[in-house]
Amino acid sequence: METEKMIRSRKAVRHYTGQITDEQLNKILLAANASPVGMGEYNNYRLTVIQDSSILSKMSGIYDAPTVIVVSAEDPDAMEDVSAGAIVHNMELAAENQGLGANYNMSSVGSIPNNVLPTGFKGVFALTLGQTDEEFVPREIPLDRIKINIVK
């Protein structure tokens, strides 16, 4: 998909019709690994892919998604929060580029059962994923949706 068209078509999907394939997951994880992180400290982050229905059933706010990927960090502060956002954004775009449904998700992080995330890491951001029957159609986006101040 052309980048500009994909960005204009991006949307939060909360309706999933099935599980993603391992090939789709690998493309999403590759996009995560291509993300920028503060000071290049990739070792401060972990990706936890949750597809176990017994764990997912204990999590809130995931819209019955069959896959949730959690980005966690050691002692997260503002830099890790921003980097986790960049990681999730790359994954979301990679998912939608494959026609998958995805949704940024912070509310579910607090409901992750104990012993799911790696020891010493705290969940920062999550992404819900799955097959969807929703269509991705480019929409008109006004240039002044976010107010702009140009200094020349």
Protein backbone atom coordinates (compact mmCIF):
# COMPACT_ATOMS: atom_id res chain seq x y z
CA MET A 1 0.00 0.00 0.00
CA GLU A 2 1.27 3.49 -0.77
CA THR A 3 2.42 5.21 2.44
CA GLU A 4 0.23 8.33 2.22
CA LYS A 5 -2.86 6.27 1.34
CA MET A 6 -2.16 3.90 4.22
CA ILE A 7 -1.78 6.76 6.71
CA ARG A 8 -5.06 8.30 5.53
CA SER A 9 -6.78 4.90 5.76
CA ARG A 10 -5.52 4.04 9.25
CA LYS A 11 -8.17 3.56 11.90
CA ALA A 12 -8.73 1.92 15.25
CA VAL A 13 -10.23 -1.53 14.69
CA ARG A 14 -12.21 -3.07 17.53
CA HIS A 15 -13.84 -5.96 15.66
CA TYR A 16 -11.81 -9.05 14.91
CA THR A 17 -12.84 -12.08 12.87
CA GLY A 18 -9.88 -14.40 13.39
CA GLN A 19 -6.29 -15.04 14.34
CA ILE A 20 -3.33 -13.65 12.41
CA THR A 21 -0.86 -16.00 10.72
CA ASP A 22 2.71 -16.55 11.86
CA GLU A 23 3.91 -14.89 8.65
CA GLN A 24 1.79 -11.80 9.39
CA LEU A 25 3.06 -11.75 12.96
CA ASN A 26 6.68 -11.94 11.80
CA LYS A 27 6.18 -8.93 9.50
CA ILE A 28 4.71 -6.98 12.42
CA LEU A 29 7.59 -7.96 14.70
CA LEU A 30 10.08 -6.95 12.02
CA ALA A 31 8.42 -3.52 11.88
CA ALA A 32 8.77 -3.28 15.67
CA ASN A 33 12.47 -4.03 15.42
CA ALA A 34 12.85 -1.33 12.75
CA SER A 35 11.43 1.28 15.13
CA PRO A 36 13.50 4.11 16.55
CA VAL A 37 14.17 3.94 20.28
CA GLY A 38 15.82 6.52 22.51
CA MET A 39 19.61 6.35 22.49
CA GLY A 40 19.40 3.12 20.47
CA GLU A 41 18.91 1.16 23.69
CA TYR A 42 16.90 -1.70 22.21
CA ASN A 43 17.90 -3.99 25.06
CA ASN A 44 15.68 -1.94 27.42
CA TYR A 45 12.54 -3.20 25.67
CA ARG A 46 10.71 -6.49 25.31
CA LEU A 47 7.84 -7.55 23.06
CA THR A 48 5.41 -10.06 24.53
CA VAL A 49 3.02 -11.66 22.05
CA ILE A 50 -0.07 -12.99 23.82
CA GLN A 51 -2.25 -15.44 21.90
CA ASP A 52 -3.17 -17.78 24.77
CA SER A 53 -6.96 -17.48 25.16
CA SER A 54 -6.80 -18.24 28.90
CA ILE A 55 -4.56 -15.18 29.41
CA LEU A 56 -6.46 -12.98 26.96
CA SER A 57 -9.74 -13.77 28.77
CA LYS A 58 -8.30 -12.19 31.94
CA MET A 59 -7.38 -8.95 30.18
CA SER A 60 -9.74 -6.00 29.93
CA GLY A 61 -10.25 -3.60 27.05
CA ILE A 62 -8.89 -5.82 24.28
CA TYR A 63 -12.15 -6.16 22.26
CA ASP A 64 -11.82 -9.95 22.02
CA ALA A 65 -8.64 -9.57 19.96
CA PRO A 66 -6.96 -12.92 19.28
CA THR A 67 -3.47 -11.37 19.58
CA VAL A 68 -2.11 -8.68 21.86
CA ILE A 69 1.48 -7.50 21.65
CA VAL A 70 2.77 -5.72 24.74
CA VAL A 71 5.77 -3.42 24.61
CA SER A 72 7.47 -3.39 28.01
CA ALA A 73 10.53 -1.60 29.33
CA GLU A 74 12.81 -1.66 32.33
CA ASP A 75 12.05 1.29 34.63
CA PRO A 76 10.11 3.22 31.97
CA ASP A 77 10.18 7.00 32.00
CA ALA A 78 9.33 9.58 29.33
CA MET A 79 11.95 8.31 26.86
CA GLU A 80 10.69 4.73 27.09
CA ASP A 81 7.09 5.90 26.80
CA VAL A 82 7.85 7.76 23.57
CA SER A 83 9.91 4.89 22.17
CA ALA A 84 7.17 2.36 23.05
CA GLY A 85 4.73 4.57 21.15
CA ALA A 86 7.00 4.53 18.09
CA ILE A 87 7.31 0.74 18.32
CA VAL A 88 3.53 0.29 18.55
CA HIS A 89 2.96 2.74 15.70
CA ASN A 90 5.31 0.82 13.40
CA MET A 91 3.56 -2.44 14.29
CA GLU A 92 0.13 -0.93 13.70
CA LEU A 93 1.09 0.35 10.26
CA ALA A 94 2.64 -3.03 9.37
CA ALA A 95 -0.57 -4.77 10.46
CA GLU A 96 -2.86 -2.53 8.45
CA ASN A 97 -0.54 -2.77 5.45
CA GLN A 98 -1.43 -6.49 5.52
CA GLY A 99 -5.16 -5.76 5.83
CA LEU A 100 -5.25 -6.70 9.51
CA GLY A 101 -7.20 -4.92 12.20
CA ALA A 102 -5.19 -3.20 14.91
CA ASN A 103 -5.78 -0.81 17.78
CA TYR A 104 -3.40 1.09 20.05
CA ASN A 105 -4.14 0.05 23.59
CA MET A 106 -2.89 1.33 26.91
CA SER A 107 -5.91 0.46 29.05
CA SER A 108 -5.26 -3.28 28.90
CA VAL A 109 -1.69 -3.04 30.21
CA GLY A 110 -2.82 -2.90 33.83
CA SER A 111 -4.86 -6.10 33.43
CA ILE A 112 -2.03 -8.33 32.21
CA PRO A 113 -1.80 -11.28 34.61
CA ASN A 114 1.31 -11.68 36.74
CA ASN A 115 4.21 -13.67 35.31
CA VAL A 116 3.28 -12.93 31.67
CA LEU A 117 5.77 -10.11 31.09
CA PRO A 118 9.50 -10.72 31.51
CA THR A 119 10.84 -10.24 35.04
CA GLY A 120 11.94 -6.64 35.64
CA PHE A 121 9.89 -5.21 32.77
CA LYS A 122 6.76 -3.08 33.01
CA GLY A 123 4.12 -2.93 30.27
CA VAL A 124 4.04 0.48 28.61
CA PHE A 125 1.87 0.08 25.52
CA ALA A 126 -0.06 -2.68 23.78
CA LEU A 127 -1.50 -3.38 20.37
CA THR A 128 -4.58 -5.52 19.76
CA LEU A 129 -4.49 -7.45 16.48
CA GLY A 130 -6.57 -9.80 14.38
CA GLN A 131 -8.18 -10.51 11.07
CA THR A 132 -11.00 -8.10 10.32
CA ASP A 133 -13.72 -7.59 7.78
CA GLU A 134 -13.43 -3.81 8.08
CA GLU A 135 -12.22 -1.94 5.00
CA PHE A 136 -9.44 0.59 5.01
CA VAL A 137 -10.57 3.53 2.92
CA PRO A 138 -8.60 6.78 2.65
CA ARG A 139 -10.41 9.67 4.29
CA GLU A 140 -10.07 13.38 3.85
CA ILE A 141 -8.07 14.87 6.69
CA PRO A 142 -8.08 18.64 7.15
CA LEU A 143 -4.65 20.24 7.36
CA ASP A 144 -5.74 22.27 10.40
CA ARG A 145 -7.08 19.37 12.48
CA ILE A 146 -4.10 20.02 14.74
CA LYS A 147 -3.48 23.75 14.93
CA ILE A 148 -0.22 24.70 13.22
CA ASN A 149 2.27 27.40 14.02
CA ILE A 150 4.91 27.94 11.32
CA VAL A 151 7.95 30.00 12.19
CA LYS A 152 10.15 30.98 9.21
